[in-house]
PDB file of all heavy atoms in Angstrom:
ATOM      1  N   HIS A   1      -9.292   4.971  -9.791  1.00  0.00           N
ATOM      2  CA  HIS A   1      -9.438   6.415  -9.987  1.00  0.00           C
ATOM      3  C   HIS A   1      -9.073   6.782 -11.419  1.00  0.00           C
ATOM      4  O   HIS A   1      -8.420   6.020 -12.126  1.00  0.00           O
ATOM      5  CB  HIS A   1      -8.572   7.206  -9.002  1.00  0.00           C
ATOM      6  CG  HIS A   1      -7.105   6.919  -9.136  1.00  0.00           C
ATOM      7  ND1 HIS A   1      -6.456   5.973  -8.367  1.00  0.00           N
ATOM      8  CD2 HIS A   1      -6.149   7.453  -9.952  1.00  0.00           C
ATOM      9  CE1 HIS A   1      -5.179   5.930  -8.692  1.00  0.00           C
ATOM     10  NE2 HIS A   1      -4.980   6.815  -9.653  1.00  0.00           N
ATOM     11  N   ILE A   2      -9.511   7.959 -11.826  1.00  0.00           N
ATOM     12  CA  ILE A   2      -9.142   8.487 -13.123  1.00  0.00           C
ATOM     13  C   ILE A   2      -7.667   8.859 -13.106  1.00  0.00           C
ATOM     14  O   ILE A   2      -7.151   9.378 -12.112  1.00  0.00           O
ATOM     15  CB  ILE A   2      -9.989   9.733 -13.477  1.00  0.00           C
ATOM     16  CG1 ILE A   2     -11.477   9.355 -13.518  1.00  0.00           C
ATOM     17  CG2 ILE A   2      -9.559  10.323 -14.813  1.00  0.00           C
ATOM     18  CD1 ILE A   2     -11.855   8.366 -14.583  1.00  0.00           C
ATOM     19  N   GLU A   3      -6.980   8.576 -14.185  1.00  0.00           N
ATOM     20  CA  GLU A   3      -5.548   8.851 -14.279  1.00  0.00           C
ATOM     21  C   GLU A   3      -5.224  10.282 -13.851  1.00  0.00           C
ATOM     22  O   GLU A   3      -5.825  11.245 -14.328  1.00  0.00           O
ATOM     23  CB  GLU A   3      -5.083   8.630 -15.718  1.00  0.00           C
ATOM     24  CG  GLU A   3      -3.603   8.837 -15.959  1.00  0.00           C
ATOM     25  CD  GLU A   3      -3.232   8.666 -17.416  1.00  0.00           C
ATOM     26  OE1 GLU A   3      -4.149   8.431 -18.238  1.00  0.00           O
ATOM     27  OE2 GLU A   3      -2.037   8.761 -17.730  1.00  0.00           O
ATOM     28  N   GLY A   4      -4.280  10.412 -12.902  1.00  0.00           N
ATOM     29  CA  GLY A   4      -3.847  11.721 -12.435  1.00  0.00           C
ATOM     30  C   GLY A   4      -4.702  12.324 -11.349  1.00  0.00           C
ATOM     31  O   GLY A   4      -4.425  13.437 -10.885  1.00  0.00           O
ATOM     32  N   LYS A   5      -5.744  11.614 -10.886  1.00  0.00           N
ATOM     33  CA  LYS A   5      -6.676  12.191  -9.920  1.00  0.00           C
ATOM     34  C   LYS A   5      -6.675  11.496  -8.559  1.00  0.00           C
ATOM     35  O   LYS A   5      -7.301  11.999  -7.631  1.00  0.00           O
ATOM     36  CB  LYS A   5      -8.106  12.136 -10.489  1.00  0.00           C
ATOM     37  CG  LYS A   5      -8.302  12.906 -11.792  1.00  0.00           C
ATOM     38  CD  LYS A   5      -8.174  14.393 -11.592  1.00  0.00           C
ATOM     39  CE  LYS A   5      -8.498  15.151 -12.874  1.00  0.00           C
ATOM     40  NZ  LYS A   5      -8.370  16.616 -12.693  1.00  0.00           N
ATOM     41  N   GLY A   6      -6.009  10.372  -8.423  1.00  0.00           N
ATOM     42  CA  GLY A   6      -6.150   9.599  -7.192  1.00  0.00           C
ATOM     43  C   GLY A   6      -4.850   9.395  -6.443  1.00  0.00           C
ATOM     44  O   GLY A   6      -3.863  10.091  -6.642  1.00  0.00           O
ATOM     45  N   HIS A   7      -4.873   8.387  -5.583  1.00  0.00           N
ATOM     46  CA  HIS A   7      -3.724   8.050  -4.755  1.00  0.00           C
ATOM     47  C   HIS A   7      -2.582   7.498  -5.605  1.00  0.00           C
ATOM     48  O   HIS A   7      -2.796   6.955  -6.686  1.00  0.00           O
ATOM     49  CB  HIS A   7      -4.094   6.985  -3.715  1.00  0.00           C
ATOM     50  CG  HIS A   7      -5.167   7.403  -2.769  1.00  0.00           C
ATOM     51  ND1 HIS A   7      -5.072   8.499  -1.963  1.00  0.00           N
ATOM     52  CD2 HIS A   7      -6.375   6.838  -2.494  1.00  0.00           C
ATOM     53  CE1 HIS A   7      -6.163   8.612  -1.232  1.00  0.00           C
ATOM     54  NE2 HIS A   7      -6.972   7.614  -1.547  1.00  0.00           N
ATOM     55  N   SER A   8      -1.372   7.601  -5.071  1.00  0.00           N
ATOM     56  CA  SER A   8      -0.248   6.887  -5.666  1.00  0.00           C
ATOM     57  C   SER A   8      -0.405   5.410  -5.351  1.00  0.00           C
ATOM     58  O   SER A   8      -1.182   5.015  -4.468  1.00  0.00           O
ATOM     59  CB  SER A   8       1.072   7.398  -5.095  1.00  0.00           C
ATOM     60  OG  SER A   8       1.204   7.028  -3.728  1.00  0.00           O
ATOM     61  N   GLU A   9       0.325   4.565  -6.066  1.00  0.00           N
ATOM     62  CA  GLU A   9       0.253   3.122  -5.810  1.00  0.00           C
ATOM     63  C   GLU A   9       0.724   2.807  -4.396  1.00  0.00           C
ATOM     64  O   GLU A   9       0.174   1.924  -3.729  1.00  0.00           O
ATOM     65  CB  GLU A   9       1.083   2.373  -6.848  1.00  0.00           C
ATOM     66  CG  GLU A   9       0.487   2.412  -8.257  1.00  0.00           C
ATOM     67  CD  GLU A   9       1.286   1.596  -9.249  1.00  0.00           C
ATOM     68  OE1 GLU A   9       2.365   1.096  -8.894  1.00  0.00           O
ATOM     69  OE2 GLU A   9       0.822   1.457 -10.394  1.00  0.00           O
ATOM     70  N   ALA A  10       1.744   3.522  -3.923  1.00  0.00           N
ATOM     71  CA  ALA A  10       2.239   3.285  -2.567  1.00  0.00           C
ATOM     72  C   ALA A  10       1.182   3.652  -1.529  1.00  0.00           C
ATOM     73  O   ALA A  10       0.998   2.944  -0.525  1.00  0.00           O
ATOM     74  CB  ALA A  10       3.521   4.088  -2.329  1.00  0.00           C
ATOM     75  N   ASP A  11       0.459   4.756  -1.747  1.00  0.00           N
ATOM     76  CA  ASP A  11      -0.616   5.141  -0.831  1.00  0.00           C
ATOM     77  C   ASP A  11      -1.721   4.088  -0.818  1.00  0.00           C
ATOM     78  O   ASP A  11      -2.272   3.764   0.239  1.00  0.00           O
ATOM     79  CB  ASP A  11      -1.213   6.486  -1.247  1.00  0.00           C
ATOM     80  CG  ASP A  11      -0.301   7.661  -0.917  1.00  0.00           C
ATOM     81  OD1 ASP A  11       0.540   7.513  -0.015  1.00  0.00           O
ATOM     82  OD2 ASP A  11      -0.410   8.708  -1.581  1.00  0.00           O
ATOM     83  N   SER A  12      -2.049   3.563  -1.997  1.00  0.00           N
ATOM     84  CA  SER A  12      -3.070   2.515  -2.069  1.00  0.00           C
ATOM     85  C   SER A  12      -2.616   1.275  -1.307  1.00  0.00           C
ATOM     86  O   SER A  12      -3.422   0.633  -0.619  1.00  0.00           O
ATOM     87  CB  SER A  12      -3.362   2.160  -3.528  1.00  0.00           C
ATOM     88  OG  SER A  12      -3.950   3.249  -4.211  1.00  0.00           O
ATOM     89  N   ALA A  13      -1.337   0.931  -1.431  1.00  0.00           N
ATOM     90  CA  ALA A  13      -0.817  -0.238  -0.723  1.00  0.00           C
ATOM     91  C   ALA A  13      -0.939  -0.058   0.787  1.00  0.00           C
ATOM     92  O   ALA A  13      -1.355  -0.988   1.499  1.00  0.00           O
ATOM     93  CB  ALA A  13       0.641  -0.480  -1.113  1.00  0.00           C
ATOM     94  N   VAL A  14      -0.600   1.132   1.283  1.00  0.00           N
ATOM     95  CA  VAL A  14      -0.723   1.402   2.719  1.00  0.00           C
ATOM     96  C   VAL A  14      -2.171   1.252   3.162  1.00  0.00           C
ATOM     97  O   VAL A  14      -2.467   0.643   4.203  1.00  0.00           O
ATOM     98  CB  VAL A  14      -0.195   2.819   3.050  1.00  0.00           C
ATOM     99  CG1 VAL A  14      -0.542   3.197   4.491  1.00  0.00           C
ATOM    100  CG2 VAL A  14       1.307   2.892   2.833  1.00  0.00           C
ATOM    101  N   GLN A  15      -3.094   1.794   2.379  1.00  0.00           N
ATOM    102  CA  GLN A  15      -4.514   1.697   2.708  1.00  0.00           C
ATOM    103  C   GLN A  15      -4.981   0.247   2.723  1.00  0.00           C
ATOM    104  O   GLN A  15      -5.694  -0.177   3.646  1.00  0.00           O
ATOM    105  CB  GLN A  15      -5.335   2.492   1.703  1.00  0.00           C
ATOM    106  CG  GLN A  15      -6.839   2.411   1.914  1.00  0.00           C
ATOM    107  CD  GLN A  15      -7.607   3.178   0.851  1.00  0.00           C
ATOM    108  OE1 GLN A  15      -7.118   4.149   0.289  1.00  0.00           O
ATOM    109  NE2 GLN A  15      -8.813   2.722   0.558  1.00  0.00           N
ATOM    110  N   HIS A  16      -4.583  -0.530   1.726  1.00  0.00           N
ATOM    111  CA  HIS A  16      -5.010  -1.924   1.655  1.00  0.00           C
ATOM    112  C   HIS A  16      -4.433  -2.741   2.811  1.00  0.00           C
ATOM    113  O   HIS A  16      -5.111  -3.631   3.349  1.00  0.00           O
ATOM    114  CB  HIS A  16      -4.571  -2.546   0.328  1.00  0.00           C
ATOM    115  CG  HIS A  16      -5.256  -1.928  -0.854  1.00  0.00           C
ATOM    116  ND1 HIS A  16      -4.810  -2.122  -2.156  1.00  0.00           N
ATOM    117  CD2 HIS A  16      -6.357  -1.139  -0.947  1.00  0.00           C
ATOM    118  CE1 HIS A  16      -5.605  -1.463  -2.969  1.00  0.00           C
ATOM    119  NE2 HIS A  16      -6.541  -0.863  -2.267  1.00  0.00           N
ATOM    120  N   ILE A  17      -3.197  -2.450   3.191  1.00  0.00           N
ATOM    121  CA  ILE A  17      -2.584  -3.159   4.327  1.00  0.00           C
ATOM    122  C   ILE A  17      -3.315  -2.825   5.610  1.00  0.00           C
ATOM    123  O   ILE A  17      -3.576  -3.698   6.447  1.00  0.00           O
ATOM    124  CB  ILE A  17      -1.082  -2.814   4.415  1.00  0.00           C
ATOM    125  CG1 ILE A  17      -0.335  -3.437   3.232  1.00  0.00           C
ATOM    126  CG2 ILE A  17      -0.489  -3.305   5.735  1.00  0.00           C
ATOM    127  CD1 ILE A  17       1.079  -2.938   3.072  1.00  0.00           C
ATOM    128  N   ASP A  18      -3.665  -1.551   5.785  1.00  0.00           N
ATOM    129  CA  ASP A  18      -4.439  -1.143   6.966  1.00  0.00           C
ATOM    130  C   ASP A  18      -5.762  -1.892   7.028  1.00  0.00           C
ATOM    131  O   ASP A  18      -6.174  -2.386   8.083  1.00  0.00           O
ATOM    132  CB  ASP A  18      -4.702   0.361   6.936  1.00  0.00           C
ATOM    133  CG  ASP A  18      -3.580   1.167   7.573  1.00  0.00           C
ATOM    134  OD1 ASP A  18      -2.858   0.609   8.419  1.00  0.00           O
ATOM    135  OD2 ASP A  18      -3.429   2.354   7.234  1.00  0.00           O
ATOM    136  N   GLU A  19      -6.450  -1.967   5.897  1.00  0.00           N
ATOM    137  CA  GLU A  19      -7.751  -2.638   5.854  1.00  0.00           C
ATOM    138  C   GLU A  19      -7.616  -4.128   6.142  1.00  0.00           C
ATOM    139  O   GLU A  19      -8.429  -4.711   6.874  1.00  0.00           O
ATOM    140  CB  GLU A  19      -8.399  -2.422   4.489  1.00  0.00           C
ATOM    141  CG  GLU A  19      -8.807  -0.977   4.221  1.00  0.00           C
ATOM    142  CD  GLU A  19      -9.231  -0.734   2.783  1.00  0.00           C
ATOM    143  OE1 GLU A  19      -9.076  -1.674   1.953  1.00  0.00           O
ATOM    144  OE2 GLU A  19      -9.703   0.371   2.479  1.00  0.00           O
ATOM    145  N   ALA A  20      -6.575  -4.762   5.575  1.00  0.00           N
ATOM    146  CA  ALA A  20      -6.387  -6.203   5.776  1.00  0.00           C
ATOM    147  C   ALA A  20      -6.039  -6.525   7.227  1.00  0.00           C
ATOM    148  O   ALA A  20      -6.619  -7.437   7.824  1.00  0.00           O
ATOM    149  CB  ALA A  20      -5.294  -6.715   4.839  1.00  0.00           C
ATOM    150  N   THR A  21      -5.104  -5.776   7.794  1.00  0.00           N
ATOM    151  CA  THR A  21      -4.716  -6.048   9.183  1.00  0.00           C
ATOM    152  C   THR A  21      -5.873  -5.721  10.128  1.00  0.00           C
ATOM    153  O   THR A  21      -6.022  -6.362  11.172  1.00  0.00           O
ATOM    154  CB  THR A  21      -3.468  -5.241   9.562  1.00  0.00           C
ATOM    155  OG1 THR A  21      -3.688  -3.844   9.290  1.00  0.00           O
ATOM    156  CG2 THR A  21      -2.252  -5.718   8.768  1.00  0.00           C
ATOM    157  N   GLY A  22      -6.687  -4.738   9.768  1.00  0.00           N
ATOM    158  CA  GLY A  22      -7.863  -4.424  10.578  1.00  0.00           C
ATOM    159  C   GLY A  22      -8.873  -5.547  10.608  1.00  0.00           C
ATOM    160  O   GLY A  22      -9.712  -5.623  11.514  1.00  0.00           O
ATOM    161  N   LYS A  23      -8.822  -6.432   9.606  1.00  0.00           N
ATOM    162  CA  LYS A  23      -9.715  -7.594   9.553  1.00  0.00           C
ATOM    163  C   LYS A  23      -9.046  -8.852  10.102  1.00  0.00           C
ATOM    164  O   LYS A  23      -9.551  -9.959   9.921  1.00  0.00           O
ATOM    165  CB  LYS A  23     -10.167  -7.823   8.109  1.00  0.00           C
ATOM    166  CG  LYS A  23     -11.025  -6.690   7.565  1.00  0.00           C
ATOM    167  CD  LYS A  23     -11.362  -6.903   6.093  1.00  0.00           C
ATOM    168  CE  LYS A  23     -12.193  -5.735   5.556  1.00  0.00           C
ATOM    169  NZ  LYS A  23     -12.471  -5.863   4.108  1.00  0.00           N
ATOM    170  N   GLY A  24      -7.897  -8.673  10.758  1.00  0.00           N
ATOM    171  CA  GLY A  24      -7.234  -9.802  11.400  1.00  0.00           C
ATOM    172  C   GLY A  24      -6.314 -10.604  10.515  1.00  0.00           C
ATOM    173  O   GLY A  24      -5.931 -11.731  10.866  1.00  0.00           O
ATOM    174  N   ILE A  25      -5.923 -10.073   9.371  1.00  0.00           N
ATOM    175  CA  ILE A  25      -5.016 -10.779   8.457  1.00  0.00           C
ATOM    176  C   ILE A  25      -3.580 -10.352   8.746  1.00  0.00           C
ATOM    177  O   ILE A  25      -3.272  -9.150   8.740  1.00  0.00           O
ATOM    178  CB  ILE A  25      -5.368 -10.476   6.992  1.00  0.00           C
ATOM    179  CG1 ILE A  25      -6.822 -10.869   6.696  1.00  0.00           C
ATOM    180  CG2 ILE A  25      -4.411 -11.198   6.041  1.00  0.00           C
ATOM    181  CD1 ILE A  25      -7.305 -10.432   5.320  1.00  0.00           C
ATOM    182  N   HIS A  26      -2.713 -11.307   8.971  1.00  0.00           N
ATOM    183  CA  HIS A  26      -1.295 -10.999   9.170  1.00  0.00           C
ATOM    184  C   HIS A  26      -0.593 -10.967   7.815  1.00  0.00           C
ATOM    185  O   HIS A  26      -0.665 -11.931   7.046  1.00  0.00           O
ATOM    186  CB  HIS A  26      -0.628 -12.033  10.070  1.00  0.00           C
ATOM    187  CG  HIS A  26       0.866 -11.853  10.167  1.00  0.00           C
ATOM    188  ND1 HIS A  26       1.456 -10.715  10.681  1.00  0.00           N
ATOM    189  CD2 HIS A  26       1.883 -12.670   9.788  1.00  0.00           C
ATOM    190  CE1 HIS A  26       2.766 -10.828  10.621  1.00  0.00           C
ATOM    191  NE2 HIS A  26       3.055 -12.013  10.084  1.00  0.00           N
ATOM    192  N   ILE A  27       0.066  -9.867   7.519  1.00  0.00           N
ATOM    193  CA  ILE A  27       0.817  -9.732   6.273  1.00  0.00           C
ATOM    194  C   ILE A  27       2.262 -10.151   6.533  1.00  0.00           C
ATOM    195  O   ILE A  27       2.972  -9.511   7.303  1.00  0.00           O
ATOM    196  CB  ILE A  27       0.777  -8.279   5.747  1.00  0.00           C
ATOM    197  CG1 ILE A  27      -0.666  -7.787   5.651  1.00  0.00           C
ATOM    198  CG2 ILE A  27       1.478  -8.182   4.402  1.00  0.00           C
ATOM    199  CD1 ILE A  27      -1.531  -8.561   4.692  1.00  0.00           C
ATOM    200  N   GLY A  28       2.694 -11.247   5.895  1.00  0.00           N
ATOM    201  CA  GLY A  28       4.041 -11.758   6.128  1.00  0.00           C
ATOM    202  C   GLY A  28       5.089 -11.102   5.251  1.00  0.00           C
ATOM    203  O   GLY A  28       6.199 -10.799   5.697  1.00  0.00           O
ATOM    204  N   LYS A  29       4.746 -10.869   3.970  1.00  0.00           N
ATOM    205  CA  LYS A  29       5.683 -10.269   3.018  1.00  0.00           C
ATOM    206  C   LYS A  29       4.916  -9.318   2.117  1.00  0.00           C
ATOM    207  O   LYS A  29       3.718  -9.509   1.867  1.00  0.00           O
ATOM    208  CB  LYS A  29       6.373 -11.338   2.164  1.00  0.00           C
ATOM    209  CG  LYS A  29       7.215 -12.334   2.938  1.00  0.00           C
ATOM    210  CD  LYS A  29       7.800 -13.397   2.006  1.00  0.00           C
ATOM    211  CE  LYS A  29       8.614 -14.430   2.771  1.00  0.00           C
ATOM    212  NZ  LYS A  29       9.160 -15.483   1.865  1.00  0.00           N
ATOM    213  N   PHE A  30       5.643  -8.314   1.618  1.00  0.00           N
ATOM    214  CA  PHE A  30       5.058  -7.398   0.644  1.00  0.00           C
ATOM    215  C   PHE A  30       5.983  -7.305  -0.555  1.00  0.00           C
ATOM    216  O   PHE A  30       7.174  -7.024  -0.413  1.00  0.00           O
ATOM    217  CB  PHE A  30       4.857  -6.000   1.230  1.00  0.00           C
ATOM    218  CG  PHE A  30       4.358  -5.003   0.211  1.00  0.00           C
ATOM    219  CD1 PHE A  30       3.010  -4.864  -0.021  1.00  0.00           C
ATOM    220  CD2 PHE A  30       5.251  -4.248  -0.540  1.00  0.00           C
ATOM    221  CE1 PHE A  30       2.538  -3.979  -0.988  1.00  0.00           C
ATOM    222  CE2 PHE A  30       4.801  -3.361  -1.509  1.00  0.00           C
ATOM    223  CZ  PHE A  30       3.435  -3.224  -1.733  1.00  0.00           C
ATOM    224  N   TYR A  31       5.439  -7.545  -1.746  1.00  0.00           N
ATOM    225  CA  TYR A  31       6.194  -7.479  -2.996  1.00  0.00           C
ATOM    226  C   TYR A  31       5.756  -6.255  -3.796  1.00  0.00           C
ATOM    227  O   TYR A  31       4.562  -5.997  -3.948  1.00  0.00           O
ATOM    228  CB  TYR A  31       5.942  -8.726  -3.843  1.00  0.00           C
ATOM    229  CG  TYR A  31       6.375 -10.033  -3.218  1.00  0.00           C
ATOM    230  CD1 TYR A  31       5.535 -10.717  -2.338  1.00  0.00           C
ATOM    231  CD2 TYR A  31       7.613 -10.595  -3.512  1.00  0.00           C
ATOM    232  CE1 TYR A  31       5.919 -11.918  -1.764  1.00  0.00           C
ATOM    233  CE2 TYR A  31       8.003 -11.801  -2.949  1.00  0.00           C
ATOM    234  CZ  TYR A  31       7.157 -12.460  -2.085  1.00  0.00           C
ATOM    235  OH  TYR A  31       7.540 -13.643  -1.517  1.00  0.00           O
ATOM    236  N   GLY A  32       6.732  -5.521  -4.307  1.00  0.00           N
ATOM    237  CA  GLY A  32       6.392  -4.365  -5.129  1.00  0.00           C
ATOM    238  C   GLY A  32       7.565  -3.931  -5.988  1.00  0.00           C
ATOM    239  O   GLY A  32       8.725  -4.193  -5.668  1.00  0.00           O
ATOM    240  N   ASP A  33       7.258  -3.251  -7.098  1.00  0.00           N
ATOM    241  CA  ASP A  33       8.326  -2.738  -7.958  1.00  0.00           C
ATOM    242  C   ASP A  33       8.810  -1.388  -7.435  1.00  0.00           C
ATOM    243  O   ASP A  33       8.468  -0.981  -6.314  1.00  0.00           O
ATOM    244  CB  ASP A  33       7.852  -2.656  -9.410  1.00  0.00           C
ATOM    245  CG  ASP A  33       6.650  -1.727  -9.585  1.00  0.00           C
ATOM    246  OD1 ASP A  33       6.425  -0.848  -8.729  1.00  0.00           O
ATOM    247  OD2 ASP A  33       5.935  -1.879 -10.597  1.00  0.00           O
ATOM    248  N   GLY A  34       9.583  -0.681  -8.235  1.00  0.00           N
ATOM    249  CA  GLY A  34      10.195   0.559  -7.775  1.00  0.00           C
ATOM    250  C   GLY A  34       9.211   1.649  -7.405  1.00  0.00           C
ATOM    251  O   GLY A  34       9.566   2.595  -6.698  1.00  0.00           O
ATOM    252  N   ALA A  35       7.948   1.554  -7.860  1.00  0.00           N
ATOM    253  CA  ALA A  35       6.947   2.562  -7.520  1.00  0.00           C
ATOM    254  C   ALA A  35       6.608   2.548  -6.035  1.00  0.00           C
ATOM    255  O   ALA A  35       6.014   3.508  -5.524  1.00  0.00           O
ATOM    256  CB  ALA A  35       5.674   2.330  -8.344  1.00  0.00           C
ATOM    257  N   PHE A  36       7.003   1.503  -5.327  1.00  0.00           N
ATOM    258  CA  PHE A  36       6.668   1.364  -3.915  1.00  0.00           C
ATOM    259  C   PHE A  36       7.850   1.685  -2.999  1.00  0.00           C
ATOM    260  O   PHE A  36       7.797   1.421  -1.801  1.00  0.00           O
ATOM    261  CB  PHE A  36       6.147  -0.055  -3.642  1.00  0.00           C
ATOM    262  CG  PHE A  36       4.899  -0.349  -4.415  1.00  0.00           C
ATOM    263  CD1 PHE A  36       4.965  -0.944  -5.672  1.00  0.00           C
ATOM    264  CD2 PHE A  36       3.659   0.011  -3.924  1.00  0.00           C
ATOM    265  CE1 PHE A  36       3.823  -1.188  -6.405  1.00  0.00           C
ATOM    266  CE2 PHE A  36       2.506  -0.233  -4.651  1.00  0.00           C
ATOM    267  CZ  PHE A  36       2.586  -0.832  -5.893  1.00  0.00           C
ATOM    268  N   TYR A  37       8.872   2.292  -3.577  1.00  0.00           N
ATOM    269  CA  TYR A  37      10.021   2.723  -2.793  1.00  0.00           C
ATOM    270  C   TYR A  37       9.650   4.046  -2.099  1.00  0.00           C
ATOM    271  O   TYR A  37      10.048   5.127  -2.508  1.00  0.00           O
ATOM    272  CB  TYR A  37      11.234   2.897  -3.715  1.00  0.00           C
ATOM    273  CG  TYR A  37      12.506   3.331  -3.026  1.00  0.00           C
ATOM    274  CD1 TYR A  37      13.201   2.469  -2.199  1.00  0.00           C
ATOM    275  CD2 TYR A  37      13.015   4.616  -3.226  1.00  0.00           C
ATOM    276  CE1 TYR A  37      14.366   2.868  -1.574  1.00  0.00           C
ATOM    277  CE2 TYR A  37      14.178   5.025  -2.613  1.00  0.00           C
ATOM    278  CZ  TYR A  37      14.853   4.150  -1.786  1.00  0.00           C
ATOM    279  OH  TYR A  37      16.011   4.560  -1.172  1.00  0.00           O
ATOM    280  N   ALA A  38       8.851   3.932  -1.049  1.00  0.00           N
ATOM    281  CA  ALA A  38       8.316   5.111  -0.364  1.00  0.00           C
ATOM    282  C   ALA A  38       8.456   4.939   1.144  1.00  0.00           C
ATOM    283  O   ALA A  38       8.177   3.859   1.686  1.00  0.00           O
ATOM    284  CB  ALA A  38       6.844   5.310  -0.737  1.00  0.00           C
ATOM    285  N   ASN A  39       8.878   6.004   1.807  1.00  0.00           N
ATOM    286  CA  ASN A  39       9.098   5.952   3.249  1.00  0.00           C
ATOM    287  C   ASN A  39       7.885   5.443   4.010  1.00  0.00           C
ATOM    288  O   ASN A  39       7.986   4.592   4.894  1.00  0.00           O
ATOM    289  CB  ASN A  39       9.481   7.352   3.767  1.00  0.00           C
ATOM    290  CG  ASN A  39      10.918   7.716   3.458  1.00  0.00           C
ATOM    291  OD1 ASN A  39      11.816   6.917   3.659  1.00  0.00           O
ATOM    292  ND2 ASN A  39      11.137   8.920   2.964  1.00  0.00           N
ATOM    293  N   LYS A  40       6.705   5.988   3.685  1.00  0.00           N
ATOM    294  CA  LYS A  40       5.497   5.649   4.434  1.00  0.00           C
ATOM    295  C   LYS A  40       5.170   4.166   4.337  1.00  0.00           C
ATOM    296  O   LYS A  40       4.674   3.574   5.303  1.00  0.00           O
ATOM    297  CB  LYS A  40       4.323   6.488   3.939  1.00  0.00           C
ATOM    298  CG  LYS A  40       3.887   6.204   2.514  1.00  0.00           C
ATOM    299  CD  LYS A  40       2.739   7.105   2.071  1.00  0.00           C
ATOM    300  CE  LYS A  40       3.269   8.484   1.776  1.00  0.00           C
ATOM    301  NZ  LYS A  40       2.200   9.364   1.215  1.00  0.00           N
ATOM    302  N   LEU A  41       5.480   3.554   3.194  1.00  0.00           N
ATOM    303  CA  LEU A  41       5.188   2.139   3.035  1.00  0.00           C
ATOM    304  C   LEU A  41       6.149   1.290   3.867  1.00  0.00           C
ATOM    305  O   LEU A  41       5.732   0.326   4.518  1.00  0.00           O
ATOM    306  CB  LEU A  41       5.258   1.745   1.561  1.00  0.00           C
ATOM    307  CG  LEU A  41       4.959   0.278   1.241  1.00  0.00           C
ATOM    308  CD1 LEU A  41       3.615  -0.161   1.823  1.00  0.00           C
ATOM    309  CD2 LEU A  41       4.983   0.038  -0.266  1.00  0.00           C
ATOM    310  N   TYR A  42       7.436   1.639   3.852  1.00  0.00           N
ATOM    311  CA  TYR A  42       8.398   0.906   4.687  1.00  0.00           C
ATOM    312  C   TYR A  42       8.023   1.009   6.169  1.00  0.00           C
ATOM    313  O   TYR A  42       8.127   0.038   6.922  1.00  0.00           O
ATOM    314  CB  TYR A  42       9.812   1.435   4.457  1.00  0.00           C
ATOM    315  CG  TYR A  42      10.468   0.897   3.209  1.00  0.00           C
ATOM    316  CD1 TYR A  42      10.337   1.557   1.998  1.00  0.00           C
ATOM    317  CD2 TYR A  42      11.212  -0.287   3.240  1.00  0.00           C
ATOM    318  CE1 TYR A  42      10.939   1.072   0.845  1.00  0.00           C
ATOM    319  CE2 TYR A  42      11.821  -0.777   2.090  1.00  0.00           C
ATOM    320  CZ  TYR A  42      11.677  -0.100   0.892  1.00  0.00           C
ATOM    321  OH  TYR A  42      12.267  -0.585  -0.247  1.00  0.00           O
ATOM    322  N   GLU A  43       7.604   2.187   6.599  1.00  0.00           N
ATOM    323  CA  GLU A  43       7.195   2.361   7.991  1.00  0.00           C
ATOM    324  C   GLU A  43       5.978   1.507   8.303  1.00  0.00           C
ATOM    325  O   GLU A  43       5.897   0.876   9.363  1.00  0.00           O
ATOM    326  CB  GLU A  43       6.896   3.835   8.252  1.00  0.00           C
ATOM    327  CG  GLU A  43       8.108   4.761   8.175  1.00  0.00           C
ATOM    328  CD  GLU A  43       9.071   4.556   9.335  1.00  0.00           C
ATOM    329  OE1 GLU A  43       8.614   4.172  10.440  1.00  0.00           O
ATOM    330  OE2 GLU A  43      10.286   4.777   9.139  1.00  0.00           O
TER     331      GLU A  43
END
């Protein structure tokens, strides 16, 4: 997305995890810097 117009990095991570698990991929670990310190991602 254009800078300032799209999802946060944490929102993108949630979306990508949803898409991956929907395709049958088990996510064992998630690595991220401080930008991913978000309630929705931990949930």
